[in-house]
Protein backbone atom coordinates (compact mmCIF):
# COMPACT_ATOMS: atom_id res chain seq x y z
CA MET A 1 0.15 0.11 -0.07
CA LYS A 2 2.79 2.13 0.59
CA LYS A 3 4.53 1.66 -2.59
CA PHE A 4 1.38 2.42 -4.38
CA LEU A 5 0.67 5.94 -2.47
CA SER A 6 4.76 6.59 -3.50
CA LEU A 7 4.01 5.95 -6.66
CA VAL A 8 0.78 8.15 -6.88
CA LEU A 9 2.57 10.94 -5.40
CA VAL A 10 5.81 10.58 -7.59
CA LEU A 11 3.06 10.70 -10.64
CA ALA A 12 1.15 13.78 -9.11
CA MET A 13 4.52 15.56 -8.85
CA LEU A 14 5.33 14.43 -12.92
CA LEU A 15 2.13 15.39 -13.84
CA SER A 16 2.50 19.02 -11.80
CA MET A 17 5.52 19.42 -13.48
CA ILE A 18 4.53 18.65 -17.37
CA SER A 19 1.65 20.70 -16.39
CA VAL A 20 4.21 23.45 -15.72
CA THR A 21 6.25 23.01 -18.45
CA ALA A 22 3.10 22.74 -20.69
CA LEU A 23 2.35 26.28 -19.32
CA ALA A 24 5.56 27.83 -20.25
CA ASP A 25 6.08 26.07 -23.67
CA ASP A 26 2.83 27.24 -24.64
CA GLY A 27 3.46 31.17 -23.96
CA TRP A 28 1.66 31.21 -20.57
CA VAL A 29 2.90 33.06 -17.46
CA GLU A 30 1.66 32.19 -14.05
CA LEU A 31 1.13 34.87 -11.71
CA ARG A 32 0.97 34.93 -8.11
CA VAL A 33 -0.85 37.59 -6.29
CA GLU A 34 -0.86 38.31 -2.71
CA ALA A 35 -4.50 38.49 -1.11
CA TYR A 36 -5.63 39.29 1.96
CA ASP A 37 -7.58 36.98 3.85
CA ARG A 38 -10.03 38.49 7.02
CA THR A 39 -11.62 35.21 7.64
CA ILE A 40 -15.17 36.48 6.03
CA ALA A 41 -17.40 33.60 6.32
CA GLY A 42 -17.88 31.38 3.01
CA PHE A 43 -15.39 33.91 1.28
CA ASN A 44 -12.16 31.63 -0.16
CA VAL A 45 -10.02 34.37 -1.23
CA GLU A 46 -7.96 32.16 -3.33
CA ASP A 47 -11.20 30.97 -5.13
CA CYS A 48 -13.20 33.96 -5.66
CA TRP A 49 -15.79 35.52 -7.86
CA GLN A 50 -13.23 38.28 -8.35
CA LEU A 51 -10.21 35.63 -9.57
CA HIS A 52 -12.69 34.25 -12.00
CA TYR A 53 -13.36 37.37 -13.49
CA ALA A 54 -9.97 38.34 -13.75
CA GLN A 55 -8.84 35.01 -15.32
CA GLU A 56 -11.54 35.15 -17.74
CA HIS A 57 -11.58 38.83 -18.81
CA PHE A 58 -7.60 39.33 -18.16
CA GLY A 59 -5.77 36.30 -17.80
CA ASP A 60 -6.86 34.61 -20.61
CA PRO A 61 -6.45 36.74 -23.23
CA ASN A 62 -3.12 37.35 -22.03
CA LYS A 63 -2.01 34.11 -21.32
CA ILE A 64 -1.30 34.93 -18.02
CA LYS A 65 -2.53 32.25 -15.36
CA LEU A 66 -3.67 34.18 -12.12
CA VAL A 67 -2.97 32.47 -8.53
CA TYR A 68 -3.84 34.73 -5.64
CA VAL A 69 -2.10 33.43 -2.36
CA SER A 70 -3.70 34.05 1.12
CA ILE A 71 -1.92 35.99 3.59
CA PRO A 72 -3.90 36.76 7.15
CA ARG A 73 -4.77 40.65 6.84
CA TRP A 74 -3.19 41.32 10.95
CA THR A 75 0.25 39.31 10.34
CA GLU A 76 1.08 40.22 6.73
CA GLY A 77 4.01 41.84 7.72
CA GLU A 78 5.31 39.23 9.67
CA VAL A 79 4.17 36.52 7.06
CA LEU A 80 5.57 38.81 3.96
CA THR A 81 8.69 39.46 5.67
CA THR A 82 9.37 35.38 6.28
CA GLN A 83 8.49 34.55 2.91
CA LEU A 84 10.68 37.40 1.09
CA ALA A 85 13.68 35.64 3.23
CA GLY A 86 13.00 32.29 2.03
CA GLY A 87 12.14 33.67 -1.41
CA THR A 88 8.69 32.29 -1.29
CA ALA A 89 7.00 35.52 -1.38
CA PRO A 90 4.48 36.10 -4.10
CA ASP A 91 4.84 37.93 -7.60
CA LEU A 92 2.93 40.91 -6.67
CA CYS A 93 3.10 41.95 -3.41
CA MET A 94 1.32 44.60 -0.94
CA THR A 95 2.27 45.62 2.54
CA TYR A 96 1.83 48.58 5.29
CA ASN A 97 5.15 47.57 6.42
CA GLY A 98 7.31 50.80 5.05
CA ASP A 99 10.31 49.49 7.02
CA LEU A 100 10.31 46.28 5.21
CA ILE A 101 9.78 48.15 1.54
CA ASN A 102 13.24 50.50 2.34
CA GLN A 103 14.90 47.35 3.75
CA TYR A 104 14.29 45.53 0.25
CA ILE A 105 15.14 48.67 -1.79
CA GLU A 106 18.67 48.89 -0.22
CA PHE A 107 19.10 45.17 -0.65
CA ASP A 108 18.16 45.46 -4.22
CA GLY A 109 15.59 43.12 -3.79
CA LEU A 110 12.38 44.88 -5.62
CA TYR A 111 12.34 45.17 -9.59
CA GLN A 112 12.67 48.94 -10.68
CA LEU A 113 9.20 49.98 -12.21
CA ASP A 114 10.23 53.00 -13.92
CA ALA A 115 10.53 51.16 -17.93
CA LEU A 116 8.13 48.80 -16.87
CA LEU A 117 5.29 51.44 -16.27
CA GLU A 118 6.21 53.69 -18.90
CA GLU A 119 5.41 50.53 -21.56
CA TYR A 120 2.91 48.33 -19.64
CA GLY A 121 1.25 50.84 -17.26
CA PRO A 122 -0.46 53.84 -18.73
CA ASN A 123 -3.74 53.23 -16.97
CA LEU A 124 -2.05 52.43 -14.13
CA LYS A 125 -0.08 55.60 -13.95
CA ALA A 126 -2.71 57.96 -14.96
CA PHE A 127 -5.09 56.51 -12.08
CA LEU A 128 -2.50 57.07 -9.34
CA GLY A 129 -0.92 60.35 -10.62
CA GLU A 130 2.33 62.02 -10.47
CA ASP A 131 2.14 63.21 -6.81
CA LEU A 132 0.92 59.54 -5.87
CA LEU A 133 3.82 57.96 -7.63
CA LYS A 134 6.60 60.13 -5.91
CA PHE A 135 5.82 57.91 -2.20
CA GLY A 136 7.34 55.01 -4.24
CA GLN A 137 10.34 57.08 -5.30
CA GLN A 138 14.13 57.22 -4.01
CA ASP A 139 17.42 58.21 -5.31
CA ARG A 140 18.92 55.13 -4.65
CA ASP A 141 22.37 55.40 -7.02
CA GLU A 142 22.49 58.97 -5.57
CA ASP A 143 22.75 60.21 -9.36
CA GLY A 144 20.06 63.23 -8.18
CA GLU A 145 17.35 61.49 -9.89
CA LYS A 146 14.89 59.24 -8.15
CA GLU A 147 13.45 55.79 -9.57
CA GLN A 148 10.34 53.90 -8.77
CA TRP A 149 10.43 51.04 -6.28
CA PHE A 150 7.10 50.92 -5.35
CA LEU A 151 3.61 52.00 -5.69
CA SER A 152 1.39 53.33 -3.61
CA ALA A 153 -2.39 52.44 -3.15
CA ARG A 154 -4.53 55.50 -4.17
CA ARG A 155 -6.75 56.42 -0.72
CA LEU A 156 -10.07 57.36 -1.93
CA SER A 157 -11.07 58.50 1.86
CA VAL A 158 -8.56 59.79 4.15
CA ALA A 159 -10.27 59.83 7.19
CA ASN A 160 -8.84 56.97 9.35
CA VAL A 161 -10.69 56.23 12.66
CA GLY A 162 -14.16 56.39 14.20
CA ASN A 163 -15.46 56.55 17.73
CA PHE A 164 -18.55 54.52 18.58
CA ILE A 165 -20.99 54.97 21.54
CA ARG A 166 -23.75 53.00 22.81
CA ALA A 167 -26.90 55.39 21.99
CA ASP A 168 -29.08 53.28 23.97
CA TRP A 169 -26.80 53.24 27.02
CA LEU A 170 -27.06 57.05 27.04
CA LYS A 171 -30.50 57.05 26.90
CA ALA A 172 -31.16 54.68 29.61
CA LEU A 173 -28.64 57.07 31.32
CA ASN A 174 -30.40 59.82 30.67
CA MET A 175 -27.06 61.16 29.33
CA GLU A 176 -25.97 63.40 26.44
CA LYS A 177 -23.54 62.27 24.21
CA PRO A 178 -19.80 62.71 26.03
CA THR A 179 -18.25 66.14 24.68
CA ASP A 180 -15.02 65.82 26.71
CA ILE A 181 -12.60 63.06 28.61
CA ALA A 182 -14.83 64.51 31.80
CA SER A 183 -18.03 63.61 30.67
CA PHE A 184 -16.69 60.06 29.12
CA GLU A 185 -15.61 59.04 32.08
CA ALA A 186 -18.88 59.98 33.43
CA TYR A 187 -20.44 57.67 31.01
CA LEU A 188 -18.03 54.57 31.56
CA ARG A 189 -18.70 54.81 35.50
CA ALA A 190 -22.60 55.06 34.94
CA ALA A 191 -22.56 52.59 32.66
CA LYS A 192 -20.73 50.03 34.54
CA GLU A 193 -22.87 50.63 37.70
CA ALA A 194 -25.78 50.02 35.68
CA ASN A 195 -24.46 46.94 34.17
CA LEU A 196 -25.79 47.84 31.11
CA GLY A 197 -24.12 45.00 28.92
CA GLY A 198 -25.26 42.00 31.95
CA GLN A 199 -22.72 40.97 34.13
CA ARG A 200 -19.91 41.09 30.82
CA THR A 201 -20.28 44.74 30.81
CA ILE A 202 -17.54 46.24 29.38
CA PRO A 203 -17.74 49.88 29.28
CA MET A 204 -14.50 50.54 27.17
CA HIS A 205 -12.84 48.48 24.33
CA PHE A 206 -9.40 48.97 23.08
CA ASP A 207 -6.94 46.61 21.46
CA LEU A 208 -3.14 45.57 21.44
CA TYR A 209 -2.22 45.26 17.83
CA GLU A 210 1.03 43.07 18.06
CA SER A 211 2.44 44.87 14.80
CA ASN A 212 1.58 48.08 16.33
CA PRO A 213 0.94 47.76 19.68
CA LEU A 214 -0.18 51.74 20.50
CA TYR A 215 -2.12 51.91 17.19
CA ASN A 216 -5.58 52.08 18.78
CA ILE A 217 -4.70 54.06 22.18
CA VAL A 218 -2.62 56.60 20.77
CA ARG A 219 -5.57 58.60 19.29
CA PHE A 220 -6.97 58.66 22.98
CA ALA A 221 -3.69 59.17 24.61
CA ASP A 222 -3.09 62.41 22.07
CA ALA A 223 -5.99 64.11 24.05
CA PHE A 224 -3.65 64.64 26.71
CA ILE A 225 -0.57 65.87 25.02
CA ASP A 226 0.15 69.47 26.30
CA PHE A 227 1.31 71.07 22.89
CA SER A 228 2.17 74.12 24.69
CA GLN A 229 5.62 71.80 25.09
CA VAL A 230 5.69 70.24 21.97
CA THR A 231 7.22 71.65 18.94
CA GLU A 232 6.75 71.11 15.18
CA GLU A 233 10.60 69.44 15.08
CA ASP A 234 9.72 67.46 18.11
CA TRP A 235 6.03 66.37 16.68
CA PHE A 236 8.28 64.83 13.79
CA ALA A 237 11.06 63.85 15.81
CA TYR A 238 8.91 61.70 18.06
CA SER A 239 6.65 60.09 15.31
CA GLY A 240 5.37 56.61 16.50
CA LEU A 241 6.67 57.62 20.19
CA HIS A 242 3.84 59.96 21.62
CA GLU A 243 4.36 57.82 25.06
CA MET A 244 6.94 60.08 25.48
CA LEU A 245 5.51 63.68 24.62
CA PRO A 246 4.62 66.27 27.43
CA GLY A 247 1.35 65.19 29.02
CA SER A 248 1.19 61.31 27.83
CA LYS A 249 2.19 60.10 30.86
CA GLU A 250 -1.24 61.59 32.16
CA ALA A 251 -3.27 59.57 29.72
CA TYR A 252 -1.81 56.46 30.63
CA ARG A 253 -2.45 57.02 34.45
CA TRP A 254 -5.93 57.57 33.42
CA PHE A 255 -6.14 54.44 31.47
CA ASN A 256 -4.29 52.48 34.60
CA LYS A 257 -7.55 54.40 36.85
CA LEU A 258 -9.86 52.81 34.04
CA TYR A 259 -8.45 49.59 34.43
CA HIS A 260 -8.74 49.04 38.01
CA GLU A 261 -12.13 50.56 37.97
CA GLY A 262 -13.13 47.39 35.64
CA LEU A 263 -14.02 49.93 33.00
CA LEU A 264 -11.89 48.80 30.36
CA TYR A 265 -11.64 45.51 28.74
CA GLU A 266 -9.58 43.33 31.11
CA ASN A 267 -8.00 41.08 27.89
CA PHE A 268 -6.95 44.65 26.31
CA ASP A 269 -3.46 43.38 25.50
CA ILE A 270 -4.62 39.73 24.15
CA ASN A 271 -5.30 40.38 20.72
CA ASP A 272 -8.19 37.97 20.13
CA ASP A 273 -10.54 39.32 17.08
CA THR A 274 -13.02 36.47 17.88
CA ALA A 275 -13.49 37.59 21.54
CA THR A 276 -13.79 41.12 20.57
CA ASP A 277 -16.40 40.08 17.82
CA SER A 278 -18.52 38.06 19.91
CA ALA A 279 -18.47 40.72 22.59
CA LEU A 280 -19.41 43.08 20.25
CA LEU A 281 -22.03 41.47 18.69
CA ASN A 282 -23.59 40.62 21.88
CA GLY A 283 -23.81 43.99 23.04
CA TYR A 284 -21.26 43.79 26.16
CA PHE A 285 -19.02 46.41 24.77
CA GLY A 286 -20.53 50.32 25.28
CA PHE A 287 -17.14 52.01 23.42
CA PHE A 288 -15.00 51.13 20.58
CA SER A 289 -12.89 52.44 17.76
CA MET A 290 -12.33 51.13 14.31
CA GLN A 291 -12.62 52.24 10.89
CA PRO A 292 -15.11 55.37 10.33
CA ASP A 293 -17.82 52.65 8.57
CA GLN A 294 -17.04 49.88 10.72
CA PRO A 295 -20.15 49.55 12.60
CA TRP A 296 -21.87 49.23 9.69
CA ARG A 297 -19.80 47.30 6.83
CA THR A 298 -21.58 44.21 5.01
CA ASP A 299 -18.71 41.93 5.88
CA LYS A 300 -19.04 42.13 10.05
CA ASN A 301 -21.84 44.54 10.40
CA TYR A 302 -21.76 44.66 14.24
CA GLN A 303 -24.81 46.86 14.15
CA LYS A 304 -27.01 44.73 12.68
CA GLU A 305 -25.99 41.67 14.18
CA MET A 306 -25.85 43.64 17.78
CA GLU A 307 -29.47 44.76 17.18
CA ALA A 308 -30.49 41.17 16.47
CA ALA A 309 -29.08 39.94 20.00
CA VAL A 310 -29.91 43.13 22.05
CA PRO A 311 -33.09 44.66 20.22
CA GLY A 312 -32.97 48.57 20.34
CA ALA A 313 -29.24 48.26 20.84
CA GLU A 314 -27.33 51.23 18.57
CA TRP A 315 -23.95 52.30 17.89
CA VAL A 316 -23.40 55.98 16.94
CA SER A 317 -20.56 58.05 16.49
CA VAL A 318 -18.90 60.08 19.55
CA ASN A 319 -16.31 62.76 19.14
CA CYS A 320 -15.59 63.52 22.78
CA PHE A 321 -11.42 63.28 22.92
CA LYS A 322 -10.72 66.89 23.21
CA ASN A 323 -7.16 68.05 23.59
CA GLU A 324 -7.57 70.92 26.07
CA SER A 325 -4.20 72.40 25.58
CA LEU A 326 -5.31 73.44 21.63
CA GLY A 327 -9.46 73.26 22.54
CA LYS A 328 -9.54 70.40 19.44
CA HIS A 329 -11.01 66.93 19.17
CA LEU A 330 -7.91 66.00 17.08
CA HIS A 331 -8.43 63.29 14.94
CA ASP A 332 -5.37 61.52 12.43
CA GLN A 333 -5.91 60.92 9.31
CA TYR A 334 -4.30 59.10 6.41
CA ALA A 335 -1.85 60.65 3.81
CA ALA A 336 -2.91 60.14 0.30
CA ASN A 337 -1.17 57.26 0.00
CA GLY A 338 -2.38 53.83 1.02
CA LEU A 339 -0.62 50.30 1.48
CA SER A 340 2.33 49.94 -0.59
CA ILE A 341 2.76 47.69 -3.49
CA ILE A 342 6.20 46.06 -4.51
CA ILE A 343 7.29 43.09 -7.66
CA PRO A 344 10.05 41.27 -5.61
CA LYS A 345 12.73 39.41 -7.10
CA ASN A 346 12.46 37.00 -4.92
CA GLY A 347 15.61 35.15 -4.79
CA GLY A 348 15.01 34.99 -8.68
CA ALA A 349 11.77 33.22 -8.41
CA THR A 350 10.32 36.00 -10.08
CA THR A 351 11.17 36.57 -13.70
CA GLU A 352 11.00 39.98 -15.77
CA GLU A 353 8.44 38.11 -17.62
CA LYS A 354 6.09 37.83 -14.25
CA ALA A 355 6.97 41.19 -13.44
CA ILE A 356 5.54 42.87 -16.74
CA ALA A 357 2.49 40.22 -16.20
CA ALA A 358 2.37 41.90 -13.07
CA VAL A 359 2.15 45.71 -14.13
CA LYS A 360 -0.17 44.72 -17.15
CA TYR A 361 -2.64 43.22 -14.52
CA MET A 362 -2.75 46.40 -12.87
CA ASP A 363 -3.04 48.25 -15.56
CA TRP A 364 -5.90 46.38 -16.31
CA MET A 365 -7.38 46.76 -13.08
CA ALA A 366 -6.94 50.49 -13.39
CA GLN A 367 -9.24 50.90 -16.54
CA PRO A 368 -12.72 51.95 -15.13
CA GLU A 369 -15.07 49.32 -16.75
CA ASN A 370 -12.74 46.72 -15.06
CA MET A 371 -12.38 48.39 -11.68
CA PHE A 372 -15.78 48.62 -11.51
CA MET A 373 -16.94 45.12 -11.60
CA MET A 374 -13.87 44.09 -9.34
CA GLN A 375 -15.06 46.37 -6.81
CA ASN A 376 -18.86 46.07 -7.39
CA GLY A 377 -19.80 42.62 -8.27
CA LEU A 378 -22.73 41.58 -10.04
CA GLU A 379 -26.08 43.66 -10.54
CA GLY A 380 -29.11 41.44 -8.78
CA ILE A 381 -26.32 39.94 -6.82
CA ASN A 382 -23.68 41.91 -4.84
CA TYR A 383 -26.33 44.92 -5.37
CA LEU A 384 -29.50 45.71 -6.40
CA GLU A 385 -29.65 49.07 -8.01
CA VAL A 386 -27.81 51.79 -9.42
CA THR A 387 -28.22 55.62 -9.03
CA ALA A 388 -28.71 57.99 -12.28
CA ASP A 389 -24.87 58.54 -11.69
CA GLY A 390 -24.49 54.74 -11.83
CA ILE A 391 -23.27 54.28 -8.32
CA PRO A 392 -24.28 50.79 -6.86
CA THR A 393 -26.47 50.77 -4.30
CA LYS A 394 -28.77 48.62 -2.27
CA VAL A 395 -25.59 46.62 -1.43
CA GLN A 396 -25.93 43.26 -0.18
CA SER A 397 -24.22 42.11 3.17
CA ALA A 398 -21.82 39.22 2.84
CA ASP A 399 -24.20 37.31 4.47
CA ALA A 400 -26.97 37.81 1.72
CA VAL A 401 -24.54 37.05 -1.32
CA PRO A 402 -24.15 33.34 -2.42
CA ASP A 403 -20.64 31.72 -1.46
CA ALA A 404 -19.59 31.95 -4.89
CA ASN A 405 -20.27 35.46 -5.54
CA LYS A 406 -18.64 36.81 -2.00
CA MET A 407 -15.81 39.43 -2.81
CA HIS A 408 -13.69 41.75 -0.63
CA ALA A 409 -13.07 44.87 -3.00
CA GLY A 410 -10.40 46.64 -0.71
CA ASP A 411 -8.47 43.92 -0.90
CA ILE A 412 -8.50 42.38 -4.38
CA VAL A 413 -8.72 45.93 -6.42
CA PHE A 414 -5.52 46.84 -4.02
CA ILE A 415 -4.31 49.60 -6.21
CA SER A 416 -7.22 51.65 -4.99
CA ASN A 417 -7.99 51.91 -1.03
CA GLY A 418 -11.59 52.59 -1.57
CA LEU A 419 -14.53 52.37 -4.07
CA TYR A 420 -13.78 54.67 -6.90
CA HIS A 421 -16.45 55.52 -9.08
CA GLY A 422 -14.69 58.22 -11.51
CA SER A 423 -14.61 61.66 -9.57
CA ASP A 424 -13.94 62.81 -5.93
CA GLU A 425 -18.06 63.90 -5.84
CA LYS A 426 -18.79 60.61 -6.54
CA ASN A 427 -16.74 58.62 -4.55
CA ALA A 428 -17.93 60.56 -1.29
CA ALA A 429 -21.55 59.76 -2.38
CA VAL A 430 -20.36 56.21 -2.34
CA LEU A 431 -19.20 56.26 1.29
CA ALA A 432 -23.07 56.47 2.18
CA LEU A 433 -24.81 54.19 -0.51
CA ALA A 434 -22.76 51.10 0.18
CA PHE A 435 -24.68 50.75 3.59
CA ASP A 436 -28.24 50.30 4.32
CA GLU A 437 -30.51 53.19 3.62
CA LYS A 438 -31.31 53.44 7.49
CA TYR A 439 -27.66 53.82 8.38
CA HIS A 440 -26.85 56.90 6.33
CA PRO A 441 -26.99 59.45 8.79
CA ALA A 442 -24.91 57.40 11.20
CA ILE A 443 -22.40 57.03 8.62
CA THR A 444 -22.21 60.25 7.78
CA GLU A 445 -21.91 61.85 11.23
CA SER A 446 -18.92 59.22 11.81
CA TYR A 447 -16.74 60.49 8.85
CA VAL A 448 -17.94 64.50 9.58
CA HIS A 449 -16.33 63.54 13.46
CA ALA A 450 -13.19 61.90 11.52
CA GLY A 451 -12.51 64.84 9.54
CA THR A 452 -12.54 67.22 12.01
CA ASP A 453 -9.03 68.93 13.36
CA ALA A 454 -7.74 66.34 11.60
CA TRP A 455 -4.00 66.13 11.00
CA THR A 456 -2.38 63.85 8.20
CA GLN A 457 0.12 61.10 9.42
CA VAL A 458 3.68 61.62 9.57
CA SER A 459 6.22 59.93 7.22
CA PHE A 460 9.34 60.55 5.72
CA SER A 461 10.30 60.47 1.99
CA VAL A 462 13.58 59.05 2.65
CA PRO A 463 14.21 55.75 4.19
CA ILE A 464 15.00 55.85 8.55
CA GLN A 465 17.90 53.50 8.86
CA ALA A 466 17.38 53.55 12.64
CA GLU A 467 13.54 52.04 11.84
CA THR A 468 14.74 49.37 9.83
CA ASP A 469 17.18 48.37 12.65
CA TYR A 470 15.58 49.08 15.77
CA GLY A 471 11.75 48.92 14.95
CA ALA A 472 11.25 45.61 15.68
CA MET A 473 12.73 45.51 18.84
CA ILE A 474 11.08 49.42 19.81
CA LYS A 475 7.45 47.67 18.93
CA SER A 476 7.83 44.84 20.97
CA LYS A 477 9.17 46.97 24.24
CA GLN A 478 5.82 49.72 23.49
CA GLY A 479 3.96 46.10 23.84
CA GLU A 480 5.48 45.38 27.02
CA PHE A 481 5.21 49.42 28.10
CA LEU A 482 1.34 49.45 27.69
CA SER A 483 0.59 46.34 29.39
CA LYS A 484 2.69 47.23 32.38
CA VAL A 485 1.43 50.91 32.78
CA VAL A 486 -2.24 50.12 32.01
CA THR A 487 -2.18 46.94 34.69
CA CYS A 488 0.42 48.14 37.33
CA ASP A 489 -0.29 48.85 40.84
CA PRO A 490 -1.02 52.47 40.41
CA ALA A 491 1.35 53.29 43.71
CA GLU A 492 4.20 52.13 41.31
CA PHE A 493 2.96 53.75 38.16
CA ASP A 494 5.49 56.42 37.90
CA ALA A 495 8.21 54.00 38.31
CA ILE A 496 7.26 51.62 35.88
CA TYR A 497 6.46 54.22 33.40
CA ASP A 498 9.53 55.94 33.91
CA ALA A 499 11.46 52.49 33.47
CA CYS A 500 9.68 51.61 30.45
CA ILE A 501 10.25 54.63 28.58
CA GLN A 502 13.87 54.31 29.38
CA ASP A 503 14.01 50.54 27.90
CA THR A 504 12.50 51.91 24.52
CA LEU A 505 14.94 53.85 24.46
CA ASN A 506 17.80 51.88 25.21
CA VAL A 507 16.85 49.57 22.27
CA GLY A 508 17.02 51.82 19.54
CA ALA A 509 14.02 54.58 20.21
CA ALA A 510 16.97 57.04 21.24
CA GLU A 511 18.79 56.87 17.48
CA LEU A 512 15.11 56.65 15.83
CA ILE A 513 14.17 59.86 17.47
CA GLU A 514 17.11 61.44 16.47
CA ALA A 515 17.22 59.96 12.92
CA GLN A 516 13.82 61.15 12.42
CA ARG A 517 14.85 64.53 13.78
CA GLU A 518 17.62 65.19 11.23
CA ALA A 519 15.06 64.04 8.36
CA TYR A 520 12.65 66.77 9.89
CA LEU A 521 15.31 68.97 9.94
CA ASP A 522 16.43 68.16 5.76
CA GLY A 523 12.68 68.70 5.11
CA GLU A 524 12.57 64.97 3.99
CA PHE A 525 9.15 64.72 5.63
CA ARG A 526 5.61 64.92 5.37
CA GLY A 527 2.34 65.15 7.62
CA THR A 528 0.80 67.99 9.89
CA PHE A 529 1.49 69.33 13.21
CA PRO A 530 -1.34 69.80 14.98
CA GLY A 531 -0.57 72.82 16.81
CA ASN A 532 -0.44 74.44 13.56
CA LEU A 533 -4.26 73.61 12.90
């Protein structure tokens, strides 16, 4: 029996080799494309409607066999790093890990894209535009001319994060929406005392993200920064290290107090999406923070499903994190560049022929009729009607669409961070039209809040070597910092806070601060200083 199985395996391998050889001999190219997996029930990213559509309308006419390679969204940086190091990465990759991009530019591990775009990417170049293309350009050979090393996806909405509170809990407490830290704290305490979510009431939720531990909490902590003591130079020098800015210590002291009063999610430092989803859908949380339209999205409709479990439950936007030193409710927003798209040399695994196929695929995707289909799907299945302007409406939730037609536009149409319909006006309209009509007012309010007193996130137009050298260690220490300072005995808070800050400085943060300061002084920076708003 074992001999028979061995023979079957050998024959299977031979057939596989023959099929690959036949593919190459017939002029076909296999193009492996990274695709994020967000664990949407019933959606197989490696065998989805969008893949079949692209294969039929792009792959077959061009003799390109498309293969979508599934990579978990929230660990994409670590997974891609491992794949690149092992020469197993897809031929066309995307990532939010800018340090990884800079590292592979430095290692000569990416295809230079100038000639490829010029010959095979006219539609892609037109869609992205010259200003956006500049984000992926560096003068690596120091000849005074910058070359194109990666592409930045076009971000259609720069709104980043929304804050959501339970309208039904406010009504039960006879309270108005909080407008500042003090009134928000009063809401949390009252919700806990009233057990509005039952015995598992969790007034405030936030997460520690492994790839960026302070990502969620820093938006609340920034409300405590004393901008009278922070210069524009400091703001850029301490980018990614706001816990070291004046006033931030009091923010984490506040969180320590909330934690010991039982007002915070006790497992905040364990990144468990399943537990978070369960608590949200069952109505245990009284506050959470995610993307501005997150409660009403079709893939995970927290509002609809929570309302089914808890009749009358309702999420609404709240704008309460007021920075008293500025008198503003600060919100960070994205720069126009989205995720980064690369074609790795991959240790020789990706040939120039495949690099050409990758640019051709993105160029096909950039054409309006193809982007429309790949982002919206089929009328009557993924959406039911179109407006007079041709914008799909009555978009169906993921659970209302057959598995064979399930899709995720943002992950598959990766050159566009957001639904694109040809103009800024139409794109803005789509933000609400993509959702159930009864949620439009709440979504609109959330986007208004997300754009209030908004500052653009910091980035640098030159590689920051200290980030490459020390970034991973700094993030690890920030994770330790957050867990320790929030949960420690209040009597030990100052000593633990100071020790954790010093630990972070010791593993490379000191070098990073100086490197970012130097880039700022050289004018190699992008973003906004909130003190100038």
